[in-house]
PDB file of N, CA and C in Angstrom:
ATOM      1  N   ALA A   1     225.162 -33.275 -88.405  1.00  0.00           N
ATOM      2  CA  ALA A   1     225.169 -31.911 -87.752  1.00  0.00           C
ATOM      3  C   ALA A   1     227.018 -31.587 -87.765  1.00  0.00           C
ATOM      4  N   LYS A   2     227.399 -31.014 -87.256  1.00  0.00           N
ATOM      5  CA  LYS A   2     229.184 -30.334 -87.402  1.00  0.00           C
ATOM      6  C   LYS A   2     229.777 -31.356 -86.361  1.00  0.00           C
ATOM      7  N   SER A   3     230.914 -31.616 -86.594  1.00  0.00           N
ATOM      8  CA  SER A   3     231.568 -32.432 -85.346  1.00  0.00           C
ATOM      9  C   SER A   3     232.331 -31.507 -84.005  1.00  0.00           C
ATOM     10  N   GLY A   4     231.409 -32.261 -83.024  1.00  0.00           N
ATOM     11  CA  GLY A   4     231.644 -31.839 -81.907  1.00  0.00           C
ATOM     12  C   GLY A   4     230.329 -30.876 -81.484  1.00  0.00           C
ATOM     13  N   GLU A   5     229.178 -31.261 -82.275  1.00  0.00           N
ATOM     14  CA  GLU A   5     228.014 -30.740 -81.512  1.00  0.00           C
ATOM     15  C   GLU A   5     227.572 -31.365 -81.188  1.00  0.00           C
ATOM     16  N   VAL A   6     226.133 -30.908 -79.669  1.00  0.00           N
ATOM     17  CA  VAL A   6     225.756 -32.618 -79.320  1.00  0.00           C
ATOM     18  C   VAL A   6     224.351 -31.927 -79.895  1.00  0.00           C
ATOM     19  N   ILE A   7     223.802 -33.313 -80.324  1.00  0.00           N
ATOM     20  CA  ILE A   7     222.570 -33.462 -80.984  1.00  0.00           C
ATOM     21  C   ILE A   7     221.636 -34.212 -79.837  1.00  0.00           C
ATOM     22  N   GLU A   8     222.194 -34.913 -79.373  1.00  0.00           N
ATOM     23  CA  GLU A   8     221.177 -35.826 -78.740  1.00  0.00           C
ATOM     24  C   GLU A   8     221.816 -35.818 -76.838  1.00  0.00           C
ATOM     25  N   LEU A   9     220.723 -35.590 -76.187  1.00  0.00           N
ATOM     26  CA  LEU A   9     221.708 -35.449 -74.705  1.00  0.00           C
ATOM     27  C   LEU A   9     220.302 -36.097 -73.690  1.00  0.00           C
ATOM     28  N   ASP A  10     220.256 -37.247 -73.373  1.00  0.00           N
ATOM     29  CA  ASP A  10     219.525 -38.176 -72.315  1.00  0.00           C
ATOM     30  C   ASP A  10     220.296 -38.101 -70.806  1.00  0.00           C
ATOM     31  N   LEU A  11     219.482 -37.171 -70.085  1.00  0.00           N
ATOM     32  CA  LEU A  11     220.167 -37.552 -68.382  1.00  0.00           C
ATOM     33  C   LEU A  11     218.986 -37.803 -67.780  1.00  0.00           C
ATOM     34  N   SER A  12     218.055 -38.761 -68.128  1.00  0.00           N
ATOM     35  CA  SER A  12     216.800 -39.104 -67.577  1.00  0.00           C
ATOM     36  C   SER A  12     217.920 -39.916 -66.730  1.00  0.00           C
ATOM     37  N   CYS A  13     217.067 -40.229 -65.450  1.00  0.00           N
ATOM     38  CA  CYS A  13     217.062 -40.691 -64.319  1.00  0.00           C
ATOM     39  C   CYS A  13     218.637 -40.411 -63.529  1.00  0.00           C
ATOM     40  N   SER A  14     218.972 -39.067 -63.340  1.00  0.00           N
ATOM     41  CA  SER A  14     220.456 -39.378 -63.141  1.00  0.00           C
ATOM     42  C   SER A  14     220.586 -38.618 -61.704  1.00  0.00           C
ATOM     43  N   CYS A  15     219.387 -38.469 -61.102  1.00  0.00           N
ATOM     44  CA  CYS A  15     219.146 -38.232 -60.141  1.00  0.00           C
ATOM     45  C   CYS A  15     219.684 -36.908 -59.679  1.00  0.00           C
ATOM     46  N   LEU A  16     219.509 -35.969 -60.796  1.00  0.00           N
ATOM     47  CA  LEU A  16     219.778 -34.342 -60.757  1.00  0.00           C
ATOM     48  C   LEU A  16     218.660 -33.919 -60.043  1.00  0.00           C
ATOM     49  N   ARG A  17     218.875 -32.212 -59.310  1.00  0.00           N
ATOM     50  CA  ARG A  17     217.696 -31.814 -59.007  1.00  0.00           C
ATOM     51  C   ARG A  17     218.030 -30.179 -58.813  1.00  0.00           C
ATOM     52  N   GLY A  18     216.800 -29.626 -58.173  1.00  0.00           N
ATOM     53  CA  GLY A  18     217.608 -28.068 -58.659  1.00  0.00           C
ATOM     54  C   GLY A  18     216.132 -27.395 -59.579  1.00  0.00           C
ATOM     55  N   ARG A  19     216.651 -26.243 -59.669  1.00  0.00           N
ATOM     56  CA  ARG A  19     215.953 -25.140 -60.665  1.00  0.00           C
ATOM     57  C   ARG A  19     217.273 -25.312 -61.988  1.00  0.00           C
ATOM     58  N   PHE A  20     216.522 -24.750 -63.066  1.00  0.00           N
ATOM     59  CA  PHE A  20     217.220 -24.304 -63.927  1.00  0.00           C
ATOM     60  C   PHE A  20     217.538 -22.577 -63.739  1.00  0.00           C
ATOM     61  N   HIS A  21     218.401 -22.238 -64.531  1.00  0.00           N
ATOM     62  CA  HIS A  21     219.079 -20.710 -64.669  1.00  0.00           C
ATOM     63  C   HIS A  21     219.586 -20.256 -65.571  1.00  0.00           C
ATOM     64  N   SER A  22     218.899 -19.329 -66.477  1.00  0.00           N
ATOM     65  CA  SER A  22     218.858 -19.097 -67.593  1.00  0.00           C
ATOM     66  C   SER A  22     220.500 -19.310 -67.850  1.00  0.00           C
ATOM     67  N   LYS A  23     221.413 -18.685 -67.052  1.00  0.00           N
ATOM     68  CA  LYS A  23     223.218 -19.140 -67.435  1.00  0.00           C
ATOM     69  C   LYS A  23     223.457 -21.363 -67.627  1.00  0.00           C
ATOM     70  N   THR A  24     222.676 -21.705 -67.613  1.00  0.00           N
ATOM     71  CA  THR A  24     222.919 -22.999 -67.570  1.00  0.00           C
ATOM     72  C   THR A  24     223.623 -23.425 -69.151  1.00  0.00           C
ATOM     73  N   SER A  25     224.347 -23.998 -69.019  1.00  0.00           N
ATOM     74  CA  SER A  25     225.013 -24.243 -70.074  1.00  0.00           C
ATOM     75  C   SER A  25     224.430 -24.976 -70.867  1.00  0.00           C
ATOM     76  N   LEU A  26     223.437 -25.774 -70.520  1.00  0.00           N
ATOM     77  CA  LEU A  26     222.377 -26.772 -71.065  1.00  0.00           C
ATOM     78  C   LEU A  26     221.426 -25.755 -72.502  1.00  0.00           C
ATOM     79  N   PHE A  27     221.316 -24.730 -71.966  1.00  0.00           N
ATOM     80  CA  PHE A  27     220.696 -23.986 -73.257  1.00  0.00           C
ATOM     81  C   PHE A  27     221.337 -23.073 -74.434  1.00  0.00           C
ATOM     82  N   ARG A  28     222.978 -23.834 -73.977  1.00  0.00           N
ATOM     83  CA  ARG A  28     223.521 -22.857 -75.105  1.00  0.00           C
ATOM     84  C   ARG A  28     223.773 -23.769 -76.090  1.00  0.00           C
ATOM     85  N   LEU A  29     223.243 -24.861 -76.139  1.00  0.00           N
ATOM     86  CA  LEU A  29     223.207 -26.538 -77.356  1.00  0.00           C
ATOM     87  C   LEU A  29     222.280 -26.356 -78.280  1.00  0.00           C
ATOM     88  N   GLU A  30     222.505 -25.282 -79.107  1.00  0.00           N
ATOM     89  CA  GLU A  30     221.891 -24.426 -80.283  1.00  0.00           C
ATOM     90  C   GLU A  30     221.612 -25.734 -81.210  1.00  0.00           C
ATOM     91  N   SER A  31     221.938 -26.827 -81.154  1.00  0.00           N
ATOM     92  CA  SER A  31     222.075 -27.982 -82.454  1.00  0.00           C
ATOM     93  C   SER A  31     221.407 -28.900 -82.012  1.00  0.00           C
ATOM     94  N   ILE A  32     220.932 -29.168 -80.767  1.00  0.00           N
ATOM     95  CA  ILE A  32     220.409 -29.996 -80.251  1.00  0.00           C
ATOM     96  C   ILE A  32     218.965 -30.666 -80.772  1.00  0.00           C
ATOM     97  N   ARG A  33     218.663 -31.505 -80.864  1.00  0.00           N
ATOM     98  CA  ARG A  33     217.552 -32.261 -81.377  1.00  0.00           C
ATOM     99  C   ARG A  33     216.370 -33.066 -80.822  1.00  0.00           C
ATOM    100  N   SER A  34     217.381 -33.963 -79.710  1.00  0.00           N
ATOM    101  CA  SER A  34     216.393 -34.563 -78.569  1.00  0.00           C
ATOM    102  C   SER A  34     216.977 -34.349 -76.811  1.00  0.00           C
ATOM    103  N   LEU A  35     216.196 -34.358 -76.457  1.00  0.00           N
ATOM    104  CA  LEU A  35     216.691 -33.444 -75.074  1.00  0.00           C
ATOM    105  C   LEU A  35     215.943 -34.241 -74.286  1.00  0.00           C
ATOM    106  N   ASP A  36     216.494 -35.475 -73.098  1.00  0.00           N
ATOM    107  CA  ASP A  36     215.260 -36.342 -72.325  1.00  0.00           C
ATOM    108  C   ASP A  36     215.856 -35.709 -70.629  1.00  0.00           C
ATOM    109  N   LEU A  37     214.876 -35.395 -70.060  1.00  0.00           N
ATOM    110  CA  LEU A  37     215.214 -34.716 -68.617  1.00  0.00           C
ATOM    111  C   LEU A  37     214.253 -35.610 -67.639  1.00  0.00           C
ATOM    112  N   SER A  38     213.927 -36.354 -67.723  1.00  0.00           N
ATOM    113  CA  SER A  38     212.959 -37.397 -67.115  1.00  0.00           C
ATOM    114  C   SER A  38     213.011 -38.077 -66.054  1.00  0.00           C
ATOM    115  N   ARG A  39     212.481 -37.984 -65.066  1.00  0.00           N
ATOM    116  CA  ARG A  39     213.047 -39.173 -63.641  1.00  0.00           C
ATOM    117  C   ARG A  39     214.038 -38.724 -63.275  1.00  0.00           C
ATOM    118  N   ASN A  40     213.957 -37.190 -62.693  1.00  0.00           N
ATOM    119  CA  ASN A  40     215.235 -36.311 -61.871  1.00  0.00           C
ATOM    120  C   ASN A  40     214.083 -35.501 -60.883  1.00  0.00           C
ATOM    121  N   GLN A  41     214.680 -34.948 -60.657  1.00  0.00           N
ATOM    122  CA  GLN A  41     213.998 -34.075 -59.284  1.00  0.00           C
ATOM    123  C   GLN A  41     213.981 -32.482 -59.666  1.00  0.00           C
ATOM    124  N   PHE A  42     213.741 -32.008 -60.688  1.00  0.00           N
ATOM    125  CA  PHE A  42     213.832 -30.789 -60.994  1.00  0.00           C
ATOM    126  C   PHE A  42     212.682 -29.810 -60.561  1.00  0.00           C
ATOM    127  N   THR A  43     213.087 -29.019 -60.093  1.00  0.00           N
ATOM    128  CA  THR A  43     211.635 -27.944 -59.227  1.00  0.00           C
ATOM    129  C   THR A  43     211.446 -26.441 -60.347  1.00  0.00           C
ATOM    130  N   GLY A  44     210.822 -25.670 -60.061  1.00  0.00           N
ATOM    131  CA  GLY A  44     210.442 -24.251 -60.644  1.00  0.00           C
ATOM    132  C   GLY A  44     209.685 -24.765 -61.646  1.00  0.00           C
ATOM    133  N   GLN A  45     210.137 -23.614 -62.465  1.00  0.00           N
ATOM    134  CA  GLN A  45     209.029 -23.369 -63.635  1.00  0.00           C
ATOM    135  C   GLN A  45     210.102 -23.810 -65.164  1.00  0.00           C
ATOM    136  N   ILE A  46     209.395 -23.924 -65.953  1.00  0.00           N
ATOM    137  CA  ILE A  46     209.697 -24.225 -66.880  1.00  0.00           C
ATOM    138  C   ILE A  46     210.324 -23.138 -67.627  1.00  0.00           C
ATOM    139  N   LEU A  47     211.722 -22.467 -67.756  1.00  0.00           N
ATOM    140  CA  LEU A  47     211.856 -21.352 -68.242  1.00  0.00           C
ATOM    141  C   LEU A  47     211.713 -21.357 -69.921  1.00  0.00           C
ATOM    142  N   SER A  48     211.398 -19.845 -70.534  1.00  0.00           N
ATOM    143  CA  SER A  48     211.220 -19.443 -71.512  1.00  0.00           C
ATOM    144  C   SER A  48     212.762 -19.865 -72.284  1.00  0.00           C
ATOM    145  N   TRP A  49     213.613 -19.881 -71.806  1.00  0.00           N
ATOM    146  CA  TRP A  49     214.701 -20.345 -73.242  1.00  0.00           C
ATOM    147  C   TRP A  49     214.103 -21.737 -73.607  1.00  0.00           C
ATOM    148  N   ILE A  50     213.554 -22.516 -73.277  1.00  0.00           N
ATOM    149  CA  ILE A  50     213.358 -23.718 -73.840  1.00  0.00           C
ATOM    150  C   ILE A  50     213.250 -23.210 -75.549  1.00  0.00           C
ATOM    151  N   GLY A  51     212.323 -21.894 -75.602  1.00  0.00           N
ATOM    152  CA  GLY A  51     212.250 -21.910 -76.804  1.00  0.00           C
ATOM    153  C   GLY A  51     213.386 -21.653 -77.961  1.00  0.00           C
ATOM    154  N   ASN A  52     214.712 -20.675 -77.092  1.00  0.00           N
ATOM    155  CA  ASN A  52     215.301 -21.183 -77.833  1.00  0.00           C
ATOM    156  C   ASN A  52     216.329 -22.236 -78.354  1.00  0.00           C
ATOM    157  N   LEU A  53     215.986 -23.754 -78.167  1.00  0.00           N
ATOM    158  CA  LEU A  53     216.695 -24.720 -78.795  1.00  0.00           C
ATOM    159  C   LEU A  53     215.122 -24.833 -79.897  1.00  0.00           C
ATOM    160  N   SER A  54     215.561 -24.372 -80.905  1.00  0.00           N
ATOM    161  CA  SER A  54     215.029 -24.644 -82.143  1.00  0.00           C
ATOM    162  C   SER A  54     215.038 -25.685 -82.921  1.00  0.00           C
ATOM    163  N   HIS A  55     215.791 -26.515 -82.470  1.00  0.00           N
ATOM    164  CA  HIS A  55     216.318 -27.690 -83.545  1.00  0.00           C
ATOM    165  C   HIS A  55     215.533 -28.811 -82.821  1.00  0.00           C
ATOM    166  N   LEU A  56     214.919 -28.927 -81.742  1.00  0.00           N
ATOM    167  CA  LEU A  56     214.689 -29.795 -80.637  1.00  0.00           C
ATOM    168  C   LEU A  56     213.286 -30.491 -81.686  1.00  0.00           C
ATOM    169  N   THR A  57     213.176 -31.921 -81.695  1.00  0.00           N
ATOM    170  CA  THR A  57     212.364 -32.637 -82.521  1.00  0.00           C
ATOM    171  C   THR A  57     211.519 -33.112 -81.127  1.00  0.00           C
ATOM    172  N   SER A  58     212.547 -33.763 -80.089  1.00  0.00           N
ATOM    173  CA  SER A  58     211.653 -34.444 -78.993  1.00  0.00           C
ATOM    174  C   SER A  58     212.243 -33.824 -77.782  1.00  0.00           C
ATOM    175  N   LEU A  59     211.307 -33.632 -76.931  1.00  0.00           N
ATOM    176  CA  LEU A  59     211.683 -32.883 -75.246  1.00  0.00           C
ATOM    177  C   LEU A  59     210.780 -34.045 -74.488  1.00  0.00           C
ATOM    178  N   ASN A  60     211.687 -34.368 -73.328  1.00  0.00           N
ATOM    179  CA  ASN A  60     211.468 -35.339 -72.526  1.00  0.00           C
ATOM    180  C   ASN A  60     210.814 -34.410 -71.155  1.00  0.00           C
ATOM    181  N   LEU A  61     210.084 -34.368 -70.370  1.00  0.00           N
ATOM    182  CA  LEU A  61     210.232 -33.711 -68.899  1.00  0.00           C
ATOM    183  C   LEU A  61     209.188 -34.526 -67.956  1.00  0.00           C
ATOM    184  N   PHE A  62     208.976 -35.694 -68.187  1.00  0.00           N
ATOM    185  CA  PHE A  62     208.019 -36.591 -67.123  1.00  0.00           C
ATOM    186  C   PHE A  62     208.792 -36.756 -66.030  1.00  0.00           C
ATOM    187  N   ASP A  63     207.804 -37.036 -65.038  1.00  0.00           N
ATOM    188  CA  ASP A  63     208.629 -37.226 -63.544  1.00  0.00           C
ATOM    189  C   ASP A  63     209.788 -36.454 -63.188  1.00  0.00           C
ATOM    190  N   ASN A  64     209.049 -35.098 -63.006  1.00  0.00           N
ATOM    191  CA  ASN A  64     209.776 -34.003 -62.521  1.00  0.00           C
ATOM    192  C   ASN A  64     208.808 -33.111 -62.018  1.00  0.00           C
ATOM    193  N   GLN A  65     209.507 -32.225 -60.926  1.00  0.00           N
ATOM    194  CA  GLN A  65     208.432 -31.684 -59.905  1.00  0.00           C
ATOM    195  C   GLN A  65     208.059 -30.200 -60.736  1.00  0.00           C
ATOM    196  N   PHE A  66     208.217 -29.862 -61.701  1.00  0.00           N
ATOM    197  CA  PHE A  66     208.245 -28.606 -62.442  1.00  0.00           C
ATOM    198  C   PHE A  66     206.418 -27.716 -62.046  1.00  0.00           C
ATOM    199  N   VAL A  67     206.563 -26.693 -61.876  1.00  0.00           N
ATOM    200  CA  VAL A  67     205.309 -26.061 -61.616  1.00  0.00           C
ATOM    201  C   VAL A  67     204.471 -24.846 -62.246  1.00  0.00           C
ATOM    202  N   GLY A  68     204.022 -24.636 -62.589  1.00  0.00           N
ATOM    203  CA  GLY A  68     203.182 -23.255 -63.192  1.00  0.00           C
ATOM    204  C   GLY A  68     202.662 -23.857 -64.659  1.00  0.00           C
ATOM    205  N   GLN A  69     202.958 -22.668 -65.932  1.00  0.00           N
ATOM    206  CA  GLN A  69     202.381 -22.864 -67.272  1.00  0.00           C
ATOM    207  C   GLN A  69     203.383 -23.480 -68.036  1.00  0.00           C
ATOM    208  N   ILE A  70     202.959 -24.188 -68.725  1.00  0.00           N
ATOM    209  CA  ILE A  70     204.020 -24.139 -70.153  1.00  0.00           C
ATOM    210  C   ILE A  70     204.328 -22.859 -70.306  1.00  0.00           C
ATOM    211  N   PRO A  71     205.498 -22.655 -70.892  1.00  0.00           N
ATOM    212  CA  PRO A  71     205.950 -20.980 -71.672  1.00  0.00           C
ATOM    213  C   PRO A  71     205.485 -20.735 -73.013  1.00  0.00           C
ATOM    214  N   THR A  72     204.830 -19.891 -73.007  1.00  0.00           N
ATOM    215  CA  THR A  72     204.281 -19.968 -74.535  1.00  0.00           C
ATOM    216  C   THR A  72     205.623 -19.879 -75.676  1.00  0.00           C
ATOM    217  N   SER A  73     206.810 -19.655 -75.337  1.00  0.00           N
ATOM    218  CA  SER A  73     207.705 -19.938 -76.413  1.00  0.00           C
ATOM    219  C   SER A  73     208.367 -20.837 -76.575  1.00  0.00           C
ATOM    220  N   ILE A  74     207.726 -21.814 -76.108  1.00  0.00           N
ATOM    221  CA  ILE A  74     207.528 -23.450 -76.778  1.00  0.00           C
ATOM    222  C   ILE A  74     206.867 -23.410 -77.731  1.00  0.00           C
ATOM    223  N   GLY A  75     206.065 -23.027 -78.479  1.00  0.00           N
ATOM    224  CA  GLY A  75     205.181 -22.672 -79.887  1.00  0.00           C
ATOM    225  C   GLY A  75     206.329 -22.132 -80.701  1.00  0.00           C
ATOM    226  N   ASN A  76     208.011 -21.737 -80.418  1.00  0.00           N
ATOM    227  CA  ASN A  76     208.913 -21.531 -81.454  1.00  0.00           C
ATOM    228  C   ASN A  76     209.085 -22.724 -81.555  1.00  0.00           C
ATOM    229  N   LEU A  77     209.210 -23.945 -80.804  1.00  0.00           N
ATOM    230  CA  LEU A  77     209.778 -25.420 -81.317  1.00  0.00           C
ATOM    231  C   LEU A  77     208.909 -25.832 -82.678  1.00  0.00           C
ATOM    232  N   SER A  78     209.103 -25.338 -83.705  1.00  0.00           N
ATOM    233  CA  SER A  78     208.475 -25.708 -85.221  1.00  0.00           C
ATOM    234  C   SER A  78     208.798 -27.208 -85.043  1.00  0.00           C
ATOM    235  N   HIS A  79     209.988 -27.575 -84.961  1.00  0.00           N
ATOM    236  CA  HIS A  79     210.301 -28.850 -85.188  1.00  0.00           C
ATOM    237  C   HIS A  79     209.825 -30.162 -84.241  1.00  0.00           C
ATOM    238  N   LEU A  80     209.549 -29.874 -83.032  1.00  0.00           N
ATOM    239  CA  LEU A  80     209.020 -30.749 -82.025  1.00  0.00           C
ATOM    240  C   LEU A  80     208.033 -31.383 -82.684  1.00  0.00           C
ATOM    241  N   THR A  81     208.267 -33.017 -82.096  1.00  0.00           N
ATOM    242  CA  THR A  81     207.312 -33.687 -82.464  1.00  0.00           C
ATOM    243  C   THR A  81     206.711 -34.877 -81.712  1.00  0.00           C
ATOM    244  N   SER A  82     207.819 -34.184 -80.460  1.00  0.00           N
ATOM    245  CA  SER A  82     207.463 -35.355 -79.127  1.00  0.00           C
ATOM    246  C   SER A  82     207.744 -34.589 -78.062  1.00  0.00           C
ATOM    247  N   LEU A  83     206.486 -34.608 -77.037  1.00  0.00           N
ATOM    248  CA  LEU A  83     206.670 -33.666 -76.428  1.00  0.00           C
ATOM    249  C   LEU A  83     205.894 -34.266 -74.627  1.00  0.00           C
TER     250      LEU A  83
END
């Protein structure tokens, strides 16, 4: 990774809540490989933007309040080994 790039982000158990919006800066982390949003209070649907994080190898959304279907764009995550 280049200097200054975020490649791993662990926000688990951070008392975060609410819905994600497409303009959330989290979705601009193009080099991120590991994203842990578990054990928060996120709501709403998992947005299709998730498929743009093409370097993800690990994604943890456990113990939130997401609803609806998993977006088909998750199929773009060809490096994903842990969901």
